[in-house]
All heavy atoms as atom14 arrays in JSON, in Angstrom:
{
  "sequence": "IYGLNNHYLGNFMILLAVLECIAYYFKEAWWVQRQLWSRAGG",
  "atom14_mask": [
    [1, 1, 1, 1, 1, 1, 1, 1, 0, 0, 0, 0, 0, 0],
    [1, 1, 1, 1, 1, 1, 1, 1, 1, 1, 1, 1, 0, 0],
    [1, 1, 1, 1, 0, 0, 0, 0, 0, 0, 0, 0, 0, 0],
    [1, 1, 1, 1, 1, 1, 1, 1, 0, 0, 0, 0, 0, 0],
    [1, 1, 1, 1, 1, 1, 1, 1, 0, 0, 0, 0, 0, 0],
    [1, 1, 1, 1, 1, 1, 1, 1, 0, 0, 0, 0, 0, 0],
    [1, 1, 1, 1, 1, 1, 1, 1, 1, 1, 0, 0, 0, 0],
    [1, 1, 1, 1, 1, 1, 1, 1, 1, 1, 1, 1, 0, 0],
    [1, 1, 1, 1, 1, 1, 1, 1, 0, 0, 0, 0, 0, 0],
    [1, 1, 1, 1, 0, 0, 0, 0, 0, 0, 0, 0, 0, 0],
    [1, 1, 1, 1, 1, 1, 1, 1, 0, 0, 0, 0, 0, 0],
    [1, 1, 1, 1, 1, 1, 1, 1, 1, 1, 1, 0, 0, 0],
    [1, 1, 1, 1, 1, 1, 1, 1, 0, 0, 0, 0, 0, 0],
    [1, 1, 1, 1, 1, 1, 1, 1, 0, 0, 0, 0, 0, 0],
    [1, 1, 1, 1, 1, 1, 1, 1, 0, 0, 0, 0, 0, 0],
    [1, 1, 1, 1, 1, 1, 1, 1, 0, 0, 0, 0, 0, 0],
    [1, 1, 1, 1, 1, 0, 0, 0, 0, 0, 0, 0, 0, 0],
    [1, 1, 1, 1, 1, 1, 1, 0, 0, 0, 0, 0, 0, 0],
    [1, 1, 1, 1, 1, 1, 1, 1, 0, 0, 0, 0, 0, 0],
    [1, 1, 1, 1, 1, 1, 1, 1, 1, 0, 0, 0, 0, 0],
    [1, 1, 1, 1, 1, 1, 0, 0, 0, 0, 0, 0, 0, 0],
    [1, 1, 1, 1, 1, 1, 1, 1, 0, 0, 0, 0, 0, 0],
    [1, 1, 1, 1, 1, 0, 0, 0, 0, 0, 0, 0, 0, 0],
    [1, 1, 1, 1, 1, 1, 1, 1, 1, 1, 1, 1, 0, 0],
    [1, 1, 1, 1, 1, 1, 1, 1, 1, 1, 1, 1, 0, 0],
    [1, 1, 1, 1, 1, 1, 1, 1, 1, 1, 1, 0, 0, 0],
    [1, 1, 1, 1, 1, 1, 1, 1, 1, 0, 0, 0, 0, 0],
    [1, 1, 1, 1, 1, 1, 1, 1, 1, 0, 0, 0, 0, 0],
    [1, 1, 1, 1, 1, 0, 0, 0, 0, 0, 0, 0, 0, 0],
    [1, 1, 1, 1, 1, 1, 1, 1, 1, 1, 1, 1, 1, 1],
    [1, 1, 1, 1, 1, 1, 1, 1, 1, 1, 1, 1, 1, 1],
    [1, 1, 1, 1, 1, 1, 1, 0, 0, 0, 0, 0, 0, 0],
    [1, 1, 1, 1, 1, 1, 1, 1, 1, 0, 0, 0, 0, 0],
    [1, 1, 1, 1, 1, 1, 1, 1, 1, 1, 1, 0, 0, 0],
    [1, 1, 1, 1, 1, 1, 1, 1, 1, 0, 0, 0, 0, 0],
    [1, 1, 1, 1, 1, 1, 1, 1, 0, 0, 0, 0, 0, 0],
    [1, 1, 1, 1, 1, 1, 1, 1, 1, 1, 1, 1, 1, 1],
    [1, 1, 1, 1, 1, 1, 0, 0, 0, 0, 0, 0, 0, 0],
    [1, 1, 1, 1, 1, 1, 1, 1, 1, 1, 1, 0, 0, 0],
    [1, 1, 1, 1, 1, 0, 0, 0, 0, 0, 0, 0, 0, 0],
    [1, 1, 1, 1, 0, 0, 0, 0, 0, 0, 0, 0, 0, 0],
    [1, 1, 1, 1, 0, 0, 0, 0, 0, 0, 0, 0, 0, 0]
  ],
  "atom14_positions": [
    [[104.33, 79.05, 56.0], [104.33, 77.67, 55.48], [104.31, 77.66, 53.95], [105.13, 76.98, 53.32], [103.12, 76.89, 56.04], [103.32, 76.64, 57.54], [102.97, 75.55, 55.32], [102.1, 76.07, 58.25], [0.0, 0.0, 0.0], [0.0, 0.0, 0.0], [0.0, 0.0, 0.0], [0.0, 0.0, 0.0], [0.0, 0.0, 0.0], [0.0, 0.0, 0.0]],
    [[103.37, 78.41, 53.37], [103.18, 78.32, 51.92], [103.99, 79.36, 51.12], [104.4, 79.09, 50.01], [101.7, 78.44, 51.58], [100.9, 77.3, 52.15], [99.99, 77.5, 53.18], [101.09, 76.01, 51.68], [99.28, 76.44, 53.72], [100.38, 74.94, 52.21], [99.47, 75.16, 53.22], [98.77, 74.11, 53.76], [0.0, 0.0, 0.0], [0.0, 0.0, 0.0]],
    [[104.21, 80.53, 51.69], [104.92, 81.58, 50.97], [106.42, 81.51, 51.14], [107.18, 81.65, 50.18], [0.0, 0.0, 0.0], [0.0, 0.0, 0.0], [0.0, 0.0, 0.0], [0.0, 0.0, 0.0], [0.0, 0.0, 0.0], [0.0, 0.0, 0.0], [0.0, 0.0, 0.0], [0.0, 0.0, 0.0], [0.0, 0.0, 0.0], [0.0, 0.0, 0.0]],
    [[106.86, 81.31, 52.38], [108.29, 81.28, 52.67], [108.84, 79.86, 52.72], [110.05, 79.68, 52.83], [108.57, 81.97, 54.01], [108.17, 83.44, 54.13], [108.43, 83.94, 55.55], [108.9, 84.3, 53.11], [0.0, 0.0, 0.0], [0.0, 0.0, 0.0], [0.0, 0.0, 0.0], [0.0, 0.0, 0.0], [0.0, 0.0, 0.0], [0.0, 0.0, 0.0]],
    [[107.96, 78.9, 52.69], [108.34, 77.49, 52.77], [109.12, 77.19, 54.06], [110.05, 76.4, 54.07], [109.13, 77.05, 51.53], [109.03, 75.55, 51.32], [108.13, 74.91, 51.85], [109.96, 75.0, 50.55], [0.0, 0.0, 0.0], [0.0, 0.0, 0.0], [0.0, 0.0, 0.0], [0.0, 0.0, 0.0], [0.0, 0.0, 0.0], [0.0, 0.0, 0.0]],
    [[108.71, 77.87, 55.13], [109.33, 77.68, 56.44], [108.28, 77.06, 57.35], [107.51, 77.76, 58.01], [109.84, 79.02, 56.99], [110.66, 78.85, 58.25], [110.61, 77.82, 58.9], [111.43, 79.87, 58.57], [0.0, 0.0, 0.0], [0.0, 0.0, 0.0], [0.0, 0.0, 0.0], [0.0, 0.0, 0.0], [0.0, 0.0, 0.0], [0.0, 0.0, 0.0]],
    [[108.24, 75.75, 57.41], [107.21, 75.05, 58.15], [107.36, 75.21, 59.67], [106.36, 75.25, 60.37], [107.2, 73.56, 57.78], [106.84, 73.33, 56.35], [105.54, 73.32, 55.92], [107.59, 73.14, 55.24], [105.48, 73.1, 54.63], [106.74, 73.0, 54.19], [0.0, 0.0, 0.0], [0.0, 0.0, 0.0], [0.0, 0.0, 0.0], [0.0, 0.0, 0.0]],
    [[108.58, 75.3, 60.16], [108.78, 75.46, 61.6], [108.19, 76.78, 62.1], [107.46, 76.8, 63.09], [110.27, 75.38, 61.96], [110.86, 74.02, 61.72], [111.83, 73.83, 60.74], [110.45, 72.93, 62.48], [112.37, 72.58, 60.52], [110.98, 71.67, 62.26], [111.94, 71.51, 61.27], [112.47, 70.27, 61.06], [0.0, 0.0, 0.0], [0.0, 0.0, 0.0]],
    [[108.5, 77.86, 61.42], [107.97, 79.17, 61.81], [106.46, 79.2, 61.67], [105.75, 79.71, 62.54], [108.62, 80.28, 60.97], [108.15, 81.7, 61.27], [108.49, 82.08, 62.71], [108.79, 82.68, 60.29], [0.0, 0.0, 0.0], [0.0, 0.0, 0.0], [0.0, 0.0, 0.0], [0.0, 0.0, 0.0], [0.0, 0.0, 0.0], [0.0, 0.0, 0.0]],
    [[105.94, 78.66, 60.58], [104.5, 78.65, 60.35], [103.75, 77.86, 61.4], [102.73, 78.31, 61.94], [0.0, 0.0, 0.0], [0.0, 0.0, 0.0], [0.0, 0.0, 0.0], [0.0, 0.0, 0.0], [0.0, 0.0, 0.0], [0.0, 0.0, 0.0], [0.0, 0.0, 0.0], [0.0, 0.0, 0.0], [0.0, 0.0, 0.0], [0.0, 0.0, 0.0]],
    [[104.25, 76.67, 61.7], [103.61, 75.86, 62.73], [103.69, 76.52, 64.1], [102.76, 76.45, 64.9], [104.24, 74.47, 62.78], [103.86, 73.63, 61.59], [102.82, 73.85, 60.98], [104.71, 72.68, 61.24], [0.0, 0.0, 0.0], [0.0, 0.0, 0.0], [0.0, 0.0, 0.0], [0.0, 0.0, 0.0], [0.0, 0.0, 0.0], [0.0, 0.0, 0.0]],
    [[104.81, 77.19, 64.38], [104.98, 77.91, 65.64], [103.92, 79.02, 65.77], [103.3, 79.18, 66.82], [106.39, 78.48, 65.74], [106.63, 79.26, 66.99], [106.74, 78.62, 68.22], [106.74, 80.64, 66.96], [106.95, 79.33, 69.38], [106.95, 81.37, 68.11], [107.06, 80.71, 69.33], [0.0, 0.0, 0.0], [0.0, 0.0, 0.0], [0.0, 0.0, 0.0]],
    [[103.72, 79.77, 64.7], [102.72, 80.87, 64.73], [101.31, 80.32, 64.94], [100.54, 80.87, 65.72], [102.77, 81.65, 63.42], [104.05, 82.37, 63.17], [104.07, 83.87, 64.11], [105.33, 84.75, 63.24], [0.0, 0.0, 0.0], [0.0, 0.0, 0.0], [0.0, 0.0, 0.0], [0.0, 0.0, 0.0], [0.0, 0.0, 0.0], [0.0, 0.0, 0.0]],
    [[100.99, 79.25, 64.26], [99.65, 78.66, 64.4], [99.47, 78.08, 65.8], [98.4, 78.23, 66.42], [99.4, 77.61, 63.3], [99.32, 78.33, 61.94], [98.14, 76.8, 63.57], [99.27, 77.43, 60.75], [0.0, 0.0, 0.0], [0.0, 0.0, 0.0], [0.0, 0.0, 0.0], [0.0, 0.0, 0.0], [0.0, 0.0, 0.0], [0.0, 0.0, 0.0]],
    [[100.49, 77.48, 66.35], [100.41, 76.97, 67.72], [100.27, 78.1, 68.74], [99.6, 77.94, 69.77], [101.61, 76.1, 68.05], [101.58, 74.71, 67.43], [102.89, 73.97, 67.7], [100.41, 73.91, 67.94], [0.0, 0.0, 0.0], [0.0, 0.0, 0.0], [0.0, 0.0, 0.0], [0.0, 0.0, 0.0], [0.0, 0.0, 0.0], [0.0, 0.0, 0.0]],
    [[100.88, 79.23, 68.47], [100.68, 80.4, 69.35], [99.23, 80.85, 69.33], [98.66, 81.23, 70.36], [101.59, 81.55, 68.93], [103.03, 81.5, 69.4], [103.8, 82.71, 68.87], [103.12, 81.45, 70.9], [0.0, 0.0, 0.0], [0.0, 0.0, 0.0], [0.0, 0.0, 0.0], [0.0, 0.0, 0.0], [0.0, 0.0, 0.0], [0.0, 0.0, 0.0]],
    [[98.59, 80.81, 68.15], [97.18, 81.17, 68.04], [96.32, 80.18, 68.84], [95.38, 80.58, 69.54], [96.75, 81.21, 66.59], [0.0, 0.0, 0.0], [0.0, 0.0, 0.0], [0.0, 0.0, 0.0], [0.0, 0.0, 0.0], [0.0, 0.0, 0.0], [0.0, 0.0, 0.0], [0.0, 0.0, 0.0], [0.0, 0.0, 0.0], [0.0, 0.0, 0.0]],
    [[96.63, 78.9, 68.74], [95.9, 77.88, 69.49], [96.09, 78.09, 71.0], [95.14, 78.01, 71.78], [96.34, 76.46, 69.06], [95.79, 75.41, 70.0], [95.93, 76.19, 67.63], [0.0, 0.0, 0.0], [0.0, 0.0, 0.0], [0.0, 0.0, 0.0], [0.0, 0.0, 0.0], [0.0, 0.0, 0.0], [0.0, 0.0, 0.0], [0.0, 0.0, 0.0]],
    [[97.31, 78.4, 71.4], [97.6, 78.66, 72.81], [96.82, 79.88, 73.32], [96.31, 79.88, 74.45], [99.1, 78.85, 73.02], [99.57, 79.04, 74.45], [99.26, 77.79, 75.27], [101.05, 79.33, 74.5], [0.0, 0.0, 0.0], [0.0, 0.0, 0.0], [0.0, 0.0, 0.0], [0.0, 0.0, 0.0], [0.0, 0.0, 0.0], [0.0, 0.0, 0.0]],
    [[96.7, 80.9, 72.5], [95.92, 82.09, 72.88], [94.46, 81.72, 73.06], [93.79, 82.22, 73.97], [96.09, 83.18, 71.82], [95.36, 84.46, 72.14], [95.83, 85.14, 73.42], [97.02, 85.06, 73.75], [94.97, 85.76, 74.09], [0.0, 0.0, 0.0], [0.0, 0.0, 0.0], [0.0, 0.0, 0.0], [0.0, 0.0, 0.0], [0.0, 0.0, 0.0]],
    [[93.92, 80.86, 72.2], [92.53, 80.41, 72.34], [92.34, 79.62, 73.65], [91.34, 79.81, 74.35], [92.13, 79.53, 71.16], [91.98, 80.42, 69.61], [0.0, 0.0, 0.0], [0.0, 0.0, 0.0], [0.0, 0.0, 0.0], [0.0, 0.0, 0.0], [0.0, 0.0, 0.0], [0.0, 0.0, 0.0], [0.0, 0.0, 0.0], [0.0, 0.0, 0.0]],
    [[93.29, 78.77, 73.97], [93.22, 78.0, 75.2], [93.3, 78.92, 76.42], [92.55, 78.76, 77.39], [94.33, 76.92, 75.23], [94.05, 75.86, 74.17], [94.45, 76.29, 76.62], [95.19, 74.9, 73.94], [0.0, 0.0, 0.0], [0.0, 0.0, 0.0], [0.0, 0.0, 0.0], [0.0, 0.0, 0.0], [0.0, 0.0, 0.0], [0.0, 0.0, 0.0]],
    [[94.18, 79.9, 76.35], [94.32, 80.85, 77.47], [93.02, 81.64, 77.68], [92.62, 81.89, 78.82], [95.48, 81.8, 77.21], [0.0, 0.0, 0.0], [0.0, 0.0, 0.0], [0.0, 0.0, 0.0], [0.0, 0.0, 0.0], [0.0, 0.0, 0.0], [0.0, 0.0, 0.0], [0.0, 0.0, 0.0], [0.0, 0.0, 0.0], [0.0, 0.0, 0.0]],
    [[92.36, 82.02, 76.6], [91.09, 82.76, 76.72], [90.02, 81.86, 77.32], [89.25, 82.28, 78.18], [90.65, 83.29, 75.35], [89.35, 84.04, 75.43], [89.29, 85.32, 75.94], [88.16, 83.44, 75.04], [88.11, 86.01, 76.05], [86.96, 84.12, 75.13], [86.94, 85.39, 75.64], [85.74, 86.06, 75.74], [0.0, 0.0, 0.0], [0.0, 0.0, 0.0]],
    [[89.97, 80.6, 76.88], [88.94, 79.67, 77.36], [89.1, 79.38, 78.86], [88.11, 79.28, 79.58], [89.01, 78.37, 76.56], [87.95, 77.39, 76.92], [86.64, 77.55, 76.48], [88.23, 76.29, 77.73], [85.64, 76.66, 76.82], [87.25, 75.38, 78.08], [85.95, 75.56, 77.62], [84.98, 74.67, 77.97], [0.0, 0.0, 0.0], [0.0, 0.0, 0.0]],
    [[90.33, 79.26, 79.33], [90.57, 78.92, 80.73], [90.97, 80.11, 81.6], [91.52, 79.93, 82.68], [91.68, 77.85, 80.82], [91.25, 76.51, 80.33], [91.72, 76.01, 79.15], [90.36, 75.75, 81.07], [91.33, 74.76, 78.69], [89.95, 74.5, 80.64], [90.43, 74.01, 79.43], [0.0, 0.0, 0.0], [0.0, 0.0, 0.0], [0.0, 0.0, 0.0]],
    [[90.67, 81.34, 81.15], [91.15, 82.51, 81.9], [90.54, 82.61, 83.29], [91.23, 83.0, 84.23], [90.91, 83.8, 81.11], [89.48, 84.19, 80.98], [89.35, 85.45, 80.18], [87.88, 85.72, 79.98], [87.65, 86.83, 79.15], [0.0, 0.0, 0.0], [0.0, 0.0, 0.0], [0.0, 0.0, 0.0], [0.0, 0.0, 0.0], [0.0, 0.0, 0.0]],
    [[89.28, 82.23, 83.46], [88.68, 82.3, 84.79], [89.34, 81.31, 85.74], [89.73, 81.67, 86.86], [87.18, 82.02, 84.73], [86.54, 82.03, 86.11], [85.07, 81.71, 86.09], [84.44, 81.76, 85.02], [84.53, 81.4, 87.16], [0.0, 0.0, 0.0], [0.0, 0.0, 0.0], [0.0, 0.0, 0.0], [0.0, 0.0, 0.0], [0.0, 0.0, 0.0]],
    [[89.48, 80.08, 85.31], [90.09, 79.06, 86.17], [91.53, 79.44, 86.53], [91.96, 79.27, 87.68], [90.07, 77.7, 85.47], [0.0, 0.0, 0.0], [0.0, 0.0, 0.0], [0.0, 0.0, 0.0], [0.0, 0.0, 0.0], [0.0, 0.0, 0.0], [0.0, 0.0, 0.0], [0.0, 0.0, 0.0], [0.0, 0.0, 0.0], [0.0, 0.0, 0.0]],
    [[92.27, 79.97, 85.56], [93.65, 80.36, 85.81], [93.72, 81.54, 86.77], [94.54, 81.59, 87.68], [94.34, 80.67, 84.49], [95.75, 81.13, 84.6], [96.27, 82.27, 84.07], [96.84, 80.49, 85.27], [97.61, 82.38, 84.38], [97.98, 81.29, 85.12], [96.95, 79.31, 86.0], [99.21, 80.96, 85.66], [98.18, 78.98, 86.54], [99.29, 79.8, 86.37]],
    [[92.84, 82.54, 86.6], [92.82, 83.7, 87.49], [92.47, 83.28, 88.91], [93.13, 83.7, 89.88], [91.83, 84.75, 86.98], [91.85, 86.0, 87.78], [92.69, 87.06, 87.63], [91.0, 86.33, 88.9], [92.42, 88.03, 88.57], [91.38, 87.59, 89.36], [89.97, 85.68, 89.54], [90.77, 88.22, 90.42], [89.35, 86.29, 90.62], [89.75, 87.55, 91.04]],
    [[91.44, 82.43, 89.05], [91.03, 81.97, 90.38], [92.18, 81.21, 91.06], [92.48, 81.43, 92.23], [89.76, 81.09, 90.3], [89.49, 80.38, 91.61], [88.57, 81.94, 89.9], [0.0, 0.0, 0.0], [0.0, 0.0, 0.0], [0.0, 0.0, 0.0], [0.0, 0.0, 0.0], [0.0, 0.0, 0.0], [0.0, 0.0, 0.0], [0.0, 0.0, 0.0]],
    [[92.84, 80.34, 90.32], [93.94, 79.56, 90.9], [95.1, 80.46, 91.33], [95.69, 80.25, 92.38], [94.42, 78.5, 89.91], [95.31, 77.48, 90.54], [94.63, 76.75, 91.68], [93.49, 76.3, 91.58], [95.32, 76.63, 92.8], [0.0, 0.0, 0.0], [0.0, 0.0, 0.0], [0.0, 0.0, 0.0], [0.0, 0.0, 0.0], [0.0, 0.0, 0.0]],
    [[95.41, 81.46, 90.52], [96.49, 82.4, 90.9], [96.15, 83.14, 92.18], [97.01, 83.38, 93.03], [96.76, 83.4, 89.77], [97.54, 82.83, 88.64], [98.06, 83.9, 87.68], [97.31, 85.11, 87.59], [96.48, 85.44, 86.6], [96.28, 84.6, 85.6], [95.86, 86.59, 86.6], [0.0, 0.0, 0.0], [0.0, 0.0, 0.0], [0.0, 0.0, 0.0]],
    [[94.86, 83.51, 92.34], [94.46, 84.21, 93.56], [94.56, 83.28, 94.77], [94.95, 83.7, 95.85], [93.02, 84.74, 93.43], [92.8, 85.69, 92.27], [93.83, 86.78, 92.17], [94.12, 87.48, 93.12], [94.41, 86.92, 90.99], [0.0, 0.0, 0.0], [0.0, 0.0, 0.0], [0.0, 0.0, 0.0], [0.0, 0.0, 0.0], [0.0, 0.0, 0.0]],
    [[94.19, 82.02, 94.59], [94.28, 81.07, 95.7], [95.72, 80.81, 96.1], [96.02, 80.56, 97.27], [93.58, 79.76, 95.33], [92.06, 79.82, 95.26], [91.5, 78.53, 94.69], [91.47, 80.12, 96.62], [0.0, 0.0, 0.0], [0.0, 0.0, 0.0], [0.0, 0.0, 0.0], [0.0, 0.0, 0.0], [0.0, 0.0, 0.0], [0.0, 0.0, 0.0]],
    [[96.63, 80.84, 95.13], [98.05, 80.63, 95.42], [98.7, 81.86, 96.04], [99.79, 81.78, 96.6], [98.82, 80.28, 94.15], [98.58, 78.89, 93.66], [98.12, 77.82, 94.37], [98.8, 78.42, 92.34], [98.03, 76.71, 93.57], [98.45, 77.04, 92.32], [99.25, 79.0, 91.17], [98.54, 76.28, 91.17], [99.34, 78.22, 90.04], [98.99, 76.87, 90.04]],
    [[98.05, 83.01, 95.93], [98.64, 84.24, 96.45], [98.66, 84.19, 97.98], [98.05, 83.33, 98.61], [97.85, 85.46, 95.98], [96.62, 85.55, 96.66], [0.0, 0.0, 0.0], [0.0, 0.0, 0.0], [0.0, 0.0, 0.0], [0.0, 0.0, 0.0], [0.0, 0.0, 0.0], [0.0, 0.0, 0.0], [0.0, 0.0, 0.0], [0.0, 0.0, 0.0]],
    [[99.32, 85.16, 98.54], [99.45, 85.22, 100.01], [98.1, 85.43, 100.67], [97.85, 84.98, 101.77], [100.39, 86.37, 100.37], [100.85, 86.38, 101.79], [101.83, 87.48, 102.0], [101.15, 88.73, 102.17], [101.27, 89.51, 103.23], [102.1, 89.16, 104.17], [100.61, 90.63, 103.33], [0.0, 0.0, 0.0], [0.0, 0.0, 0.0], [0.0, 0.0, 0.0]],
    [[97.19, 86.12, 99.98], [95.88, 86.42, 100.55], [94.9, 85.25, 100.46], [93.91, 85.22, 101.18], [95.28, 87.63, 99.84], [0.0, 0.0, 0.0], [0.0, 0.0, 0.0], [0.0, 0.0, 0.0], [0.0, 0.0, 0.0], [0.0, 0.0, 0.0], [0.0, 0.0, 0.0], [0.0, 0.0, 0.0], [0.0, 0.0, 0.0], [0.0, 0.0, 0.0]],
    [[95.15, 84.29, 99.6], [94.23, 83.18, 99.39], [93.91, 82.42, 100.66], [94.8, 82.03, 101.4], [0.0, 0.0, 0.0], [0.0, 0.0, 0.0], [0.0, 0.0, 0.0], [0.0, 0.0, 0.0], [0.0, 0.0, 0.0], [0.0, 0.0, 0.0], [0.0, 0.0, 0.0], [0.0, 0.0, 0.0], [0.0, 0.0, 0.0], [0.0, 0.0, 0.0]],
    [[92.63, 82.23, 100.92], [92.19, 81.47, 102.09], [92.12, 82.27, 103.38], [91.73, 81.73, 104.41], [0.0, 0.0, 0.0], [0.0, 0.0, 0.0], [0.0, 0.0, 0.0], [0.0, 0.0, 0.0], [0.0, 0.0, 0.0], [0.0, 0.0, 0.0], [0.0, 0.0, 0.0], [0.0, 0.0, 0.0], [0.0, 0.0, 0.0], [0.0, 0.0, 0.0]]
  ]
}
């Protein structure tokens, strides 16, 4: 954003960091749901 003056790339990188934080926060719920959707679930 500030060095290359490329706001699209900069915002994309920061959004990837935010997405990684969200994935870490919801990893248990996501893992449990994937197991329930699997053939063995239930």
